[in-house]
Amino acid sequence: MSEINNRRTQILGDLKAIYPVYIVLLSLFPIFVGFFIDSDLVEIREIIINLVWMPLFTLPILFFRKRIIFQFVNLIYFIVGLIQISHWVIIKGPISLTSILVISNTNLQETIEFFDLKSTYGLLVLVPFLFVYILSIRRQTPHIITPLKSYAILVVFLFSTIFIAENAVNKRFIRKGIPQIAKVGISFYDKLELYNECREEIAVKTIEASLSDIEKVQTFVLILGESCNRNHMSLYKYEKETTPKLLSRNDIFAFTDVVSPYSNTLNSVLTILSESNLENSIEITKGIDIIDVFHSAGFKTYWISNQSPIGIWDNMVTVFANKSDYKKFVNISSNSSFEATYTTSYDSKLFKPFYDVLNEDVKLKFIVVHLMGSHSSYNKRYPNEYNVFKGADSKSKTISEYDNSILYNDCIVDSLLKILEVNSLGLNNISTAIYLSDHGENVYDELNRVGHDYSKVLPKANVEIPFIVWLSPSYINANDDELKIIESNMSKPYVSDDLFHSIIDLNKINTSVLDKNRSIFSNEFNDRRKRILEDKLDYDEG
């Protein structure tokens, strides 16, 4: 019995040598803080990863048995934990490549103002963390073990080696096999040069553009939705009451036959924002875009987004955003635009920055508000109080989750319009807004499939999108003829790659790049255009 107890004591001692108690606490403390701040953003796998890598840091302690080495390792864990906890408390999310890139592009004064604004009593959690570190320095000494006397050591190092090797072999070493802060650091240095190149890839072009009426205060807001199929909106006769707020409004114009040219965000948004369309061959980087037009007409341009800016090297959308005078990304808790779709970042986070820019003392404003909308995973797009529709099986559950995201999106769009409406009071305050989705979403509407991918024939659900126009009372009062045109064109067929021309027309900007045949707000609008979409087939003949 005594021999068994001695064996247990030695195993526990060896494990304590591999996992010094204070280093374990310093390592896991930030994860526990993150769990209490937002458990949805915490990966339990991160605990395992930290424990897997810890033996590699304690090896020098075991071999050399020097207290200074132990203190150095302790210090490293303390500094890393300090950074992680501060990030969790201030940013409300784990340290990520996105947040590092955003911070790295902030000047010193902006950084000081940011931390002054974000200072919170939550930072008091650093006090017990500091206390743990002080105790580790004062009380803990390196354990001395007798190598190979305990199987515990062999098992731990074998498990760590297998874990690391398995992730390396399966080519997910950096993505899934190392601690979060190491992953961010590696990705940051790997992507920084490319990021800086992309920032300068497209410069704002100056063209001949001017306003018809330069005396009035003018604001235009483009609300870019995500993956919204209008056939799941009660505003468009869907049987479930998914858009009660928009349906109750009597100041919007819902266009009923609008489709996106593509079923993916990249191509759809780029054609929405530029003169490029399905028929011409104008390269995005060489043509004129909507930010060029508004900038040339004297507007201050803004981009407020709940989508991750890390798409900067995956696509050109964020490059366009970086052309704006003001940029604000509220979704910075993930390392990529892909990972961002699997975390919660509700679109209500856009309200505050939207309100702030509306209240800037600027006469002419062009504001893009980019929503996360109904991007999969659908159940990550809305808070629990919008979990209204339920499903009995996997298929109906997915449909219900998508419909709940539409219900929440209804609240978001309605709230943005209300904020704009209040800001637009005044005889000389001309305000307009357009809400549309980048593309649709097939949620068992066709082919018994979910998503916006396809093969051969493009499902209509992938491209049938909402298109809603809001006009301030001052705009309506001053533009009676234009109002009649808008009302008469609400049911005409339209492709959103012509939005570039429609926005210019709606805002009465005089420029040679405007083609009124492509503006849904013009009496010259060509509604006989064949809608040959990305699958090279005629949408109207399908």
Protein backbone atom coordinates (compact mmCIF):
# COMPACT_ATOMS: atom_id res chain seq x y z
CA MET A 1 0.00 0.00 0.00
CA SER A 2 2.85 2.31 0.93
CA GLU A 3 4.50 1.62 -2.44
CA ILE A 4 1.27 2.54 -4.27
CA ASN A 5 0.99 5.80 -2.33
CA ASN A 6 4.60 6.61 -3.09
CA ARG A 7 3.94 5.91 -6.76
CA ARG A 8 0.92 8.21 -6.77
CA THR A 9 2.91 10.92 -5.02
CA GLN A 10 5.67 10.68 -7.62
CA ILE A 11 3.20 10.80 -10.52
CA LEU A 12 1.48 13.85 -9.04
CA GLY A 13 4.85 15.45 -8.45
CA ASP A 14 5.92 14.79 -12.01
CA LEU A 15 2.67 16.20 -13.39
CA LYS A 16 3.16 19.25 -11.21
CA ALA A 17 6.62 19.62 -12.69
CA ILE A 18 5.19 19.48 -16.22
CA TYR A 19 2.25 21.70 -15.29
CA PRO A 20 3.43 24.15 -12.59
CA VAL A 21 0.26 25.30 -10.87
CA TYR A 22 0.81 29.03 -11.27
CA ILE A 23 1.79 28.76 -14.93
CA VAL A 24 -1.40 26.77 -15.53
CA LEU A 25 -3.42 29.51 -13.80
CA LEU A 26 -1.69 32.25 -15.79
CA SER A 27 -2.34 30.32 -19.01
CA LEU A 28 -6.03 29.55 -18.43
CA PHE A 29 -7.05 32.74 -16.62
CA PRO A 30 -7.69 34.70 -19.88
CA ILE A 31 -9.86 31.86 -21.23
CA PHE A 32 -12.03 31.89 -18.10
CA VAL A 33 -12.36 35.70 -18.37
CA GLY A 34 -13.43 35.30 -22.00
CA PHE A 35 -15.99 32.66 -21.02
CA PHE A 36 -17.70 35.08 -18.62
CA ILE A 37 -17.60 37.97 -21.12
CA ASP A 38 -18.95 36.04 -24.13
CA SER A 39 -19.01 32.25 -23.94
CA ASP A 40 -20.00 32.01 -27.62
CA LEU A 41 -16.58 33.32 -28.61
CA VAL A 42 -14.61 30.90 -26.45
CA GLU A 43 -13.34 27.63 -27.91
CA ILE A 44 -12.87 24.85 -25.34
CA ARG A 45 -10.22 23.54 -27.71
CA GLU A 46 -8.08 26.51 -26.67
CA ILE A 47 -7.72 24.98 -23.17
CA ILE A 48 -6.48 21.73 -24.67
CA ILE A 49 -4.06 23.55 -26.97
CA ASN A 50 -2.59 25.50 -24.05
CA LEU A 51 -2.10 22.31 -22.02
CA VAL A 52 -0.57 20.52 -25.01
CA TRP A 53 2.06 23.20 -25.58
CA MET A 54 2.88 23.88 -21.92
CA PRO A 55 5.27 20.90 -21.52
CA LEU A 56 7.48 22.35 -24.29
CA PHE A 57 7.86 25.53 -22.23
CA THR A 58 8.53 23.64 -19.00
CA LEU A 59 11.18 21.37 -20.52
CA PRO A 60 13.99 23.91 -19.93
CA ILE A 61 12.89 24.14 -16.32
CA LEU A 62 13.11 20.38 -15.88
CA PHE A 63 16.46 20.00 -17.63
CA PHE A 64 18.35 22.97 -16.19
CA ARG A 65 16.55 23.34 -12.84
CA LYS A 66 17.30 27.06 -12.77
CA ARG A 67 14.89 29.38 -10.98
CA ILE A 68 15.64 32.19 -13.43
CA ILE A 69 14.37 30.04 -16.31
CA PHE A 70 11.19 29.34 -14.38
CA GLN A 71 10.73 33.06 -13.72
CA PHE A 72 11.30 33.87 -17.38
CA VAL A 73 8.63 31.37 -18.52
CA ASN A 74 6.33 32.75 -15.84
CA LEU A 75 6.89 36.28 -17.14
CA ILE A 76 6.08 35.23 -20.72
CA TYR A 77 2.78 33.69 -19.62
CA PHE A 78 1.98 36.78 -17.56
CA ILE A 79 2.59 39.21 -20.44
CA VAL A 80 0.61 37.09 -22.89
CA GLY A 81 -2.26 36.76 -20.41
CA LEU A 82 -2.20 40.50 -19.70
CA ILE A 83 -2.63 41.24 -23.40
CA GLN A 84 -5.39 38.66 -23.81
CA ILE A 85 -7.40 39.75 -20.76
CA SER A 86 -7.16 43.44 -21.70
CA HIS A 87 -8.35 42.59 -25.20
CA TRP A 88 -11.28 40.56 -23.87
CA VAL A 89 -12.39 43.34 -21.52
CA ILE A 90 -12.00 46.21 -23.99
CA ILE A 91 -12.84 44.60 -27.34
CA LYS A 92 -15.26 41.98 -25.92
CA GLY A 93 -13.64 39.23 -27.93
CA PRO A 94 -10.49 37.12 -28.23
CA ILE A 95 -7.38 38.66 -29.73
CA SER A 96 -7.61 38.21 -33.49
CA LEU A 97 -5.82 39.10 -36.69
CA THR A 98 -8.66 41.48 -37.52
CA SER A 99 -8.33 43.44 -34.29
CA ILE A 100 -4.54 43.59 -34.62
CA LEU A 101 -4.81 44.97 -38.17
CA VAL A 102 -7.42 47.51 -37.11
CA ILE A 103 -5.28 48.63 -34.16
CA SER A 104 -2.11 48.71 -36.29
CA ASN A 105 -3.80 51.18 -38.63
CA THR A 106 -4.77 53.50 -35.79
CA ASN A 107 -2.57 56.46 -34.93
CA LEU A 108 -1.36 57.18 -31.40
CA GLN A 109 -3.97 59.85 -30.68
CA GLU A 110 -6.80 57.59 -31.86
CA THR A 111 -5.41 54.79 -29.70
CA ILE A 112 -5.34 57.04 -26.61
CA GLU A 113 -8.88 58.22 -27.29
CA PHE A 114 -10.02 54.63 -27.86
CA PHE A 115 -8.63 53.35 -24.56
CA ASP A 116 -9.95 56.41 -22.75
CA LEU A 117 -13.41 55.71 -24.17
CA LYS A 118 -13.25 51.97 -23.55
CA SER A 119 -11.75 52.11 -20.06
CA THR A 120 -14.00 50.09 -17.81
CA TYR A 121 -14.19 48.66 -14.33
CA GLY A 122 -13.89 45.27 -16.03
CA LEU A 123 -10.14 45.89 -16.16
CA LEU A 124 -10.13 45.29 -12.40
CA VAL A 125 -10.03 41.60 -13.30
CA LEU A 126 -6.33 42.23 -13.92
CA VAL A 127 -5.84 42.65 -10.16
CA PRO A 128 -6.35 38.96 -9.26
CA PHE A 129 -4.34 38.02 -12.36
CA LEU A 130 -1.45 40.17 -11.11
CA PHE A 131 -1.86 38.62 -7.66
CA VAL A 132 -1.48 35.12 -9.18
CA TYR A 133 1.70 36.24 -10.93
CA ILE A 134 3.17 37.71 -7.74
CA LEU A 135 2.43 34.49 -5.87
CA SER A 136 4.12 32.50 -8.62
CA ILE A 137 7.29 34.52 -8.20
CA ARG A 138 7.36 34.36 -4.43
CA ARG A 139 6.21 30.84 -3.66
CA GLN A 140 6.81 28.49 -6.52
CA THR A 141 10.12 26.80 -7.19
CA PRO A 142 10.96 24.40 -10.01
CA HIS A 143 10.18 20.77 -9.27
CA ILE A 144 12.94 18.24 -9.67
CA ILE A 145 11.92 14.96 -11.22
CA THR A 146 13.67 11.70 -11.85
CA PRO A 147 13.34 11.08 -15.61
CA LEU A 148 11.58 7.95 -16.81
CA LYS A 149 10.50 6.94 -13.28
CA SER A 150 6.91 7.99 -14.06
CA TYR A 151 4.77 7.03 -17.01
CA ALA A 152 2.92 10.35 -16.57
CA ILE A 153 5.77 12.23 -18.21
CA LEU A 154 5.92 9.86 -21.15
CA VAL A 155 2.14 9.93 -21.66
CA VAL A 156 1.95 13.74 -21.56
CA PHE A 157 4.79 14.26 -24.02
CA LEU A 158 3.50 11.51 -26.28
CA PHE A 159 0.03 13.06 -26.36
CA SER A 160 1.46 16.52 -27.07
CA THR A 161 3.62 15.17 -29.88
CA ILE A 162 0.74 13.26 -31.48
CA PHE A 163 -1.60 16.26 -31.20
CA ILE A 164 0.89 18.64 -32.81
CA ALA A 165 1.91 16.14 -35.51
CA GLU A 166 -1.68 15.27 -36.40
CA ASN A 167 -2.54 18.93 -36.96
CA ALA A 168 0.61 19.45 -39.00
CA VAL A 169 -0.04 16.42 -41.21
CA ASN A 170 -3.61 17.55 -41.84
CA LYS A 171 -2.39 21.06 -42.74
CA ARG A 172 -4.19 22.82 -39.90
CA PHE A 173 -1.21 23.37 -37.64
CA ILE A 174 -1.54 27.16 -37.47
CA ARG A 175 -5.31 27.24 -37.74
CA LYS A 176 -6.09 24.57 -35.13
CA GLY A 177 -2.86 23.43 -33.49
CA ILE A 178 -1.32 26.43 -31.71
CA PRO A 179 -2.50 28.92 -29.06
CA GLN A 180 -4.63 31.83 -30.29
CA ILE A 181 -2.07 34.55 -29.67
CA ALA A 182 0.64 32.60 -31.54
CA LYS A 183 -1.75 32.02 -34.44
CA VAL A 184 -2.54 35.73 -34.59
CA GLY A 185 1.14 36.69 -34.46
CA ILE A 186 2.13 34.33 -37.27
CA SER A 187 -0.82 35.40 -39.42
CA PHE A 188 -0.11 39.06 -38.77
CA TYR A 189 3.47 38.94 -40.03
CA ASP A 190 2.47 36.65 -42.87
CA LYS A 191 -0.28 38.95 -44.10
CA LEU A 192 0.99 42.41 -43.20
CA GLU A 193 2.85 43.06 -46.45
CA LEU A 194 -0.08 41.88 -48.54
CA TYR A 195 -2.47 43.93 -46.43
CA ASN A 196 -0.49 47.11 -47.00
CA GLU A 197 -0.33 46.40 -50.74
CA CYS A 198 -4.09 45.96 -50.89
CA ARG A 199 -4.69 49.19 -49.00
CA GLU A 200 -3.00 51.10 -51.79
CA GLU A 201 -4.29 49.00 -54.68
CA ILE A 202 -7.11 51.34 -55.60
CA ALA A 203 -6.83 55.07 -55.13
CA VAL A 204 -9.83 57.37 -55.18
CA LYS A 205 -10.31 58.74 -58.69
CA THR A 206 -11.46 62.29 -59.29
CA ILE A 207 -14.00 62.73 -62.09
CA GLU A 208 -16.31 65.47 -63.30
CA ALA A 209 -19.26 65.30 -60.92
CA SER A 210 -21.42 67.94 -59.28
CA LEU A 211 -24.71 68.32 -57.44
CA SER A 212 -27.75 69.93 -59.01
CA ASP A 213 -28.54 71.74 -55.74
CA ILE A 214 -25.51 72.65 -53.66
CA GLU A 215 -27.43 74.63 -51.04
CA LYS A 216 -29.10 71.75 -49.21
CA VAL A 217 -27.84 69.30 -46.65
CA GLN A 218 -27.84 65.89 -48.32
CA THR A 219 -27.35 62.36 -47.00
CA PHE A 220 -27.54 59.08 -48.87
CA VAL A 221 -27.40 55.74 -47.04
CA LEU A 222 -26.79 52.42 -48.77
CA ILE A 223 -27.72 49.50 -46.52
CA LEU A 224 -26.07 46.36 -47.89
CA GLY A 225 -27.78 43.22 -46.65
CA GLU A 226 -26.43 39.70 -46.75
CA SER A 227 -27.99 36.47 -48.08
CA CYS A 228 -31.56 37.77 -47.88
CA ASN A 229 -34.14 35.95 -50.01
CA ARG A 230 -37.14 38.25 -50.43
CA ASN A 231 -39.42 35.22 -50.66
CA HIS A 232 -38.86 34.73 -46.91
CA MET A 233 -40.10 38.25 -46.12
CA SER A 234 -43.75 38.88 -45.30
CA LEU A 235 -43.23 42.26 -46.98
CA TYR A 236 -43.08 40.18 -50.16
CA LYS A 237 -46.07 37.94 -49.26
CA TYR A 238 -44.23 35.22 -47.31
CA GLU A 239 -46.70 33.33 -45.12
CA LYS A 240 -44.70 33.77 -41.88
CA GLU A 241 -44.68 37.22 -40.31
CA THR A 242 -40.96 37.81 -40.70
CA THR A 243 -40.96 41.55 -41.53
CA PRO A 244 -43.70 43.12 -39.37
CA LYS A 245 -41.83 46.40 -38.88
CA LEU A 246 -41.12 47.06 -42.55
CA LEU A 247 -44.62 45.90 -43.47
CA SER A 248 -46.12 48.49 -41.12
CA ARG A 249 -44.20 51.37 -42.68
CA ASN A 250 -45.98 53.60 -45.20
CA ASP A 251 -42.88 55.53 -46.24
CA ILE A 252 -40.95 52.87 -48.14
CA PHE A 253 -41.06 51.65 -51.72
CA ALA A 254 -40.54 47.88 -52.07
CA PHE A 255 -39.49 46.95 -55.60
CA THR A 256 -40.83 43.51 -56.46
CA ASP A 257 -38.74 42.15 -59.36
CA VAL A 258 -35.09 42.77 -58.49
CA VAL A 259 -32.38 40.14 -58.85
CA SER A 260 -28.66 40.11 -58.13
CA PRO A 261 -26.30 39.35 -61.03
CA TYR A 262 -24.33 36.81 -59.01
CA SER A 263 -25.00 34.48 -56.12
CA ASN A 264 -21.88 35.44 -54.17
CA THR A 265 -20.96 38.52 -52.15
CA LEU A 266 -17.73 39.39 -53.94
CA ASN A 267 -19.02 39.80 -57.49
CA SER A 268 -22.42 41.14 -56.49
CA VAL A 269 -21.12 43.89 -54.22
CA LEU A 270 -18.40 44.95 -56.64
CA THR A 271 -20.90 45.39 -59.47
CA ILE A 272 -23.31 47.18 -57.13
CA LEU A 273 -20.57 49.66 -56.27
CA SER A 274 -19.10 50.21 -59.72
CA GLU A 275 -19.91 50.80 -63.38
CA SER A 276 -18.96 47.20 -64.08
CA ASN A 277 -21.92 44.96 -64.97
CA LEU A 278 -22.79 41.66 -66.61
CA GLU A 279 -22.53 43.05 -70.14
CA ASN A 280 -19.43 45.22 -70.14
CA SER A 281 -15.81 44.22 -69.66
CA ILE A 282 -14.69 47.03 -67.36
CA GLU A 283 -12.18 45.82 -64.79
CA ILE A 284 -13.06 46.78 -61.24
CA THR A 285 -9.63 48.27 -60.59
CA LYS A 286 -9.71 50.39 -63.75
CA GLY A 287 -13.29 51.63 -63.81
CA ILE A 288 -15.21 54.23 -61.84
CA ASP A 289 -16.98 53.28 -58.64
CA ILE A 290 -19.64 54.94 -56.53
CA ILE A 291 -17.13 56.20 -53.95
CA ASP A 292 -15.23 58.01 -56.73
CA VAL A 293 -18.47 59.68 -57.83
CA PHE A 294 -19.56 60.86 -54.37
CA HIS A 295 -16.05 61.96 -53.47
CA SER A 296 -15.83 64.01 -56.66
CA ALA A 297 -19.24 65.56 -55.98
CA GLY A 298 -18.04 66.85 -52.60
CA PHE A 299 -19.47 64.20 -50.27
CA LYS A 300 -17.68 62.77 -47.26
CA THR A 301 -17.78 58.99 -47.62
CA TYR A 302 -18.31 56.51 -44.78
CA TRP A 303 -18.17 52.73 -44.53
CA ILE A 304 -19.60 51.03 -41.43
CA SER A 305 -19.50 47.25 -41.46
CA ASN A 306 -20.39 44.23 -39.36
CA GLN A 307 -18.51 41.99 -41.77
CA SER A 308 -14.91 41.11 -41.05
CA PRO A 309 -12.35 43.33 -42.82
CA ILE A 310 -9.97 40.41 -43.20
CA GLY A 311 -11.48 39.76 -46.60
CA ILE A 312 -8.93 42.33 -47.75
CA TRP A 313 -6.75 39.62 -49.33
CA ASP A 314 -9.64 37.29 -50.18
CA ASN A 315 -11.59 39.84 -52.21
CA MET A 316 -11.86 43.48 -53.11
CA VAL A 317 -14.82 44.54 -50.96
CA THR A 318 -12.69 45.79 -48.09
CA VAL A 319 -10.40 47.55 -50.56
CA PHE A 320 -13.44 49.58 -51.58
CA ALA A 321 -14.21 50.21 -47.94
CA ASN A 322 -10.69 51.53 -47.42
CA LYS A 323 -11.30 54.16 -50.11
CA SER A 324 -13.85 55.79 -47.82
CA ASP A 325 -12.94 58.83 -45.74
CA TYR A 326 -14.20 57.07 -42.61
CA LYS A 327 -14.10 53.32 -41.92
CA LYS A 328 -15.55 51.46 -38.96
CA PHE A 329 -15.53 47.66 -38.59
CA VAL A 330 -17.47 46.41 -35.57
CA ASN A 331 -16.86 42.69 -36.13
CA ILE A 332 -13.25 42.08 -35.15
CA SER A 333 -13.49 38.93 -33.01
CA SER A 334 -12.36 36.51 -35.73
CA ASN A 335 -9.21 35.84 -37.72
CA SER A 336 -10.88 35.72 -41.12
CA SER A 337 -14.10 36.55 -42.91
CA PHE A 338 -14.79 32.79 -42.91
CA GLU A 339 -14.41 32.44 -39.15
CA ALA A 340 -16.52 35.56 -38.60
CA THR A 341 -19.58 33.75 -39.92
CA TYR A 342 -19.33 31.22 -37.09
CA THR A 343 -19.32 33.78 -34.31
CA THR A 344 -21.99 36.12 -33.03
CA SER A 345 -21.70 39.76 -33.98
CA TYR A 346 -25.21 41.16 -34.08
CA ASP A 347 -26.01 43.94 -36.54
CA SER A 348 -27.31 46.13 -33.71
CA LYS A 349 -23.64 46.95 -33.07
CA LEU A 350 -23.91 49.21 -36.13
CA PHE A 351 -26.46 51.57 -34.54
CA LYS A 352 -24.02 53.63 -32.46
CA PRO A 353 -21.45 54.35 -35.21
CA PHE A 354 -24.30 55.03 -37.67
CA TYR A 355 -25.86 57.53 -35.26
CA ASP A 356 -22.48 59.16 -34.67
CA VAL A 357 -21.65 59.73 -38.34
CA LEU A 358 -25.14 61.05 -39.05
CA ASN A 359 -24.60 63.68 -36.40
CA GLU A 360 -21.26 64.83 -37.73
CA ASP A 361 -21.27 68.46 -38.82
CA VAL A 362 -20.82 67.57 -42.49
CA LYS A 363 -23.11 68.92 -45.20
CA LEU A 364 -22.87 66.06 -47.70
CA LYS A 365 -22.65 62.45 -46.58
CA PHE A 366 -22.56 59.11 -48.38
CA ILE A 367 -22.81 56.20 -45.91
CA VAL A 368 -22.52 52.48 -46.61
CA VAL A 369 -23.83 50.23 -43.81
CA HIS A 370 -22.78 46.63 -44.46
CA LEU A 371 -24.83 44.09 -42.50
CA MET A 372 -24.05 40.51 -41.54
CA GLY A 373 -27.73 39.92 -42.31
CA SER A 374 -28.68 36.28 -42.81
CA HIS A 375 -25.25 34.86 -43.50
CA SER A 376 -24.88 31.25 -42.46
CA SER A 377 -24.71 30.06 -39.75
CA TYR A 378 -28.25 31.42 -39.48
CA ASN A 379 -28.65 30.79 -35.74
CA LYS A 380 -25.63 33.04 -35.09
CA ARG A 381 -27.30 36.04 -36.70
CA TYR A 382 -29.90 36.90 -34.04
CA PRO A 383 -30.18 37.14 -30.24
CA ASN A 384 -32.34 34.69 -28.31
CA GLU A 385 -35.41 36.93 -28.13
CA TYR A 386 -35.77 36.57 -31.91
CA ASN A 387 -35.85 32.79 -31.73
CA VAL A 388 -39.56 32.90 -32.61
CA PHE A 389 -39.99 30.27 -35.30
CA LYS A 390 -39.31 26.65 -34.38
CA GLY A 391 -38.69 23.48 -36.35
CA ALA A 392 -39.58 19.88 -35.56
CA ASP A 393 -36.85 18.27 -37.69
CA SER A 394 -33.51 19.22 -39.18
CA LYS A 395 -34.96 20.73 -42.35
CA SER A 396 -37.72 22.77 -40.68
CA LYS A 397 -35.27 23.83 -37.96
CA THR A 398 -32.90 25.26 -40.58
CA ILE A 399 -35.76 27.09 -42.31
CA SER A 400 -36.96 28.46 -38.97
CA GLU A 401 -33.48 29.67 -38.05
CA TYR A 402 -33.21 31.45 -41.40
CA ASP A 403 -36.65 33.02 -40.88
CA ASN A 404 -35.59 34.18 -37.42
CA SER A 405 -32.59 35.88 -39.00
CA ILE A 406 -34.96 37.63 -41.41
CA LEU A 407 -37.11 38.70 -38.46
CA TYR A 408 -34.09 40.20 -36.74
CA ASN A 409 -32.95 41.82 -39.99
CA ASP A 410 -36.38 43.45 -40.20
CA CYS A 411 -35.72 45.12 -36.86
CA ILE A 412 -32.23 46.20 -37.93
CA VAL A 413 -33.27 47.81 -41.22
CA ASP A 414 -36.31 49.46 -39.63
CA SER A 415 -34.16 50.86 -36.79
CA LEU A 416 -31.56 52.24 -39.20
CA LEU A 417 -34.33 53.99 -41.14
CA LYS A 418 -35.76 55.40 -37.91
CA ILE A 419 -32.37 56.78 -36.90
CA LEU A 420 -32.02 58.35 -40.36
CA GLU A 421 -35.58 59.67 -40.24
CA VAL A 422 -35.00 61.54 -36.98
CA ASN A 423 -31.76 62.95 -38.33
CA SER A 424 -33.49 64.12 -41.53
CA LEU A 425 -35.90 66.57 -39.92
CA GLY A 426 -35.63 69.99 -41.51
CA LEU A 427 -36.72 71.66 -44.73
CA ASN A 428 -33.27 71.68 -46.31
CA ASN A 429 -32.25 68.21 -45.14
CA ILE A 430 -32.53 65.86 -48.11
CA SER A 431 -32.06 62.22 -47.13
CA THR A 432 -32.52 59.00 -49.07
CA ALA A 433 -31.73 55.35 -48.38
CA ILE A 434 -31.68 52.10 -50.30
CA TYR A 435 -31.69 48.67 -48.70
CA LEU A 436 -30.90 45.61 -50.78
CA SER A 437 -29.17 42.29 -50.28
CA ASP A 438 -25.97 41.30 -52.05
CA HIS A 439 -27.64 38.06 -53.16
CA GLY A 440 -30.37 35.67 -52.07
CA GLU A 441 -30.27 32.32 -50.29
CA ASN A 442 -31.75 28.96 -51.16
CA VAL A 443 -33.19 27.54 -47.93
CA TYR A 444 -34.91 24.43 -49.25
CA ASP A 445 -36.81 26.68 -51.69
CA GLU A 446 -35.42 24.76 -54.66
CA LEU A 447 -33.58 21.49 -55.28
CA ASN A 448 -33.90 20.54 -51.60
CA ARG A 449 -30.68 22.43 -50.86
CA VAL A 450 -29.39 25.12 -48.50
CA GLY A 451 -26.99 27.95 -49.31
CA HIS A 452 -26.20 30.06 -52.37
CA ASP A 453 -23.92 27.67 -54.20
CA TYR A 454 -25.20 25.87 -57.28
CA SER A 455 -24.23 23.77 -60.29
CA LYS A 456 -25.26 24.43 -63.90
CA VAL A 457 -28.58 26.28 -63.47
CA LEU A 458 -28.74 29.17 -61.01
CA PRO A 459 -31.66 28.71 -58.56
CA LYS A 460 -33.93 31.75 -58.51
CA ALA A 461 -33.80 31.76 -54.71
CA ASN A 462 -30.08 32.55 -54.96
CA VAL A 463 -30.69 35.88 -56.67
CA GLU A 464 -34.19 37.08 -55.76
CA ILE A 465 -33.47 39.93 -53.37
CA PRO A 466 -35.34 42.71 -51.56
CA PHE A 467 -34.92 46.25 -52.87
CA ILE A 468 -36.37 48.97 -50.65
CA VAL A 469 -36.17 52.73 -51.07
CA TRP A 470 -36.79 55.30 -48.33
CA LEU A 471 -37.15 59.02 -49.05
CA SER A 472 -37.26 61.83 -46.51
CA PRO A 473 -40.32 64.13 -46.54
CA SER A 474 -38.15 66.99 -47.81
CA TYR A 475 -37.04 64.88 -50.77
CA ILE A 476 -40.62 63.90 -51.59
CA ASN A 477 -41.87 67.48 -51.36
CA ALA A 478 -39.17 68.73 -53.71
CA ASN A 479 -39.33 65.90 -56.26
CA ASP A 480 -42.91 65.18 -57.20
CA ASP A 481 -42.06 64.05 -60.75
CA GLU A 482 -39.32 61.70 -59.57
CA LEU A 483 -41.71 60.21 -57.02
CA LYS A 484 -44.17 59.30 -59.78
CA ILE A 485 -41.40 57.60 -61.76
CA ILE A 486 -40.32 55.58 -58.72
CA GLU A 487 -43.89 54.44 -58.09
CA SER A 488 -44.40 53.46 -61.72
CA ASN A 489 -41.14 51.46 -61.86
CA MET A 490 -41.60 49.44 -58.66
CA SER A 491 -42.66 46.28 -60.46
CA LYS A 492 -40.28 46.50 -63.43
CA PRO A 493 -37.51 43.90 -63.88
CA TYR A 494 -34.16 45.11 -62.61
CA VAL A 495 -30.66 43.73 -61.95
CA SER A 496 -28.73 45.20 -59.03
CA ASP A 497 -25.53 45.56 -61.08
CA ASP A 498 -27.18 48.76 -62.37
CA LEU A 499 -27.41 50.24 -58.87
CA PHE A 500 -24.34 52.37 -59.59
CA HIS A 501 -26.36 54.41 -62.11
CA SER A 502 -29.53 54.40 -60.01
CA ILE A 503 -27.76 55.82 -56.95
CA ILE A 504 -26.21 58.64 -58.98
CA ASP A 505 -29.61 59.43 -60.50
CA LEU A 506 -31.45 59.35 -57.17
CA ASN A 507 -28.96 61.78 -55.65
CA LYS A 508 -29.11 64.17 -58.64
CA ILE A 509 -25.38 64.07 -59.30
CA ASN A 510 -24.41 65.42 -62.71
CA THR A 511 -21.73 63.27 -64.30
CA SER A 512 -21.02 61.76 -67.70
CA VAL A 513 -20.71 58.23 -66.23
CA LEU A 514 -24.47 58.16 -65.51
CA ASP A 515 -26.47 56.05 -67.95
CA LYS A 516 -30.15 56.81 -67.37
CA ASN A 517 -31.17 53.73 -69.33
CA ARG A 518 -29.79 51.74 -66.41
CA SER A 519 -31.40 53.78 -63.63
CA ILE A 520 -34.58 52.36 -62.11
CA PHE A 521 -35.37 55.91 -60.97
CA SER A 522 -35.44 57.34 -64.48
CA ASN A 523 -38.26 57.55 -67.04
CA GLU A 524 -35.60 56.46 -69.57
CA PHE A 525 -35.02 53.16 -67.73
CA ASN A 526 -34.70 50.20 -70.09
CA ASP A 527 -36.88 47.47 -68.62
CA ARG A 528 -36.36 45.26 -71.71
CA ARG A 529 -32.79 44.39 -70.79
CA LYS A 530 -32.27 40.63 -70.96
CA ARG A 531 -31.34 39.38 -67.52
CA ILE A 532 -28.57 36.94 -68.43
CA LEU A 533 -27.07 36.24 -65.03
CA GLU A 534 -23.83 34.52 -63.99
CA ASP A 535 -24.93 31.10 -65.25
CA LYS A 536 -25.24 32.65 -68.76
CA LEU A 537 -28.95 31.78 -68.84
CA ASP A 538 -31.92 34.13 -69.15
CA TYR A 539 -33.45 34.48 -65.68
CA ASP A 540 -36.86 35.41 -67.11
CA GLU A 541 -37.05 32.31 -69.30
CA GLY A 542 -36.15 29.84 -66.56
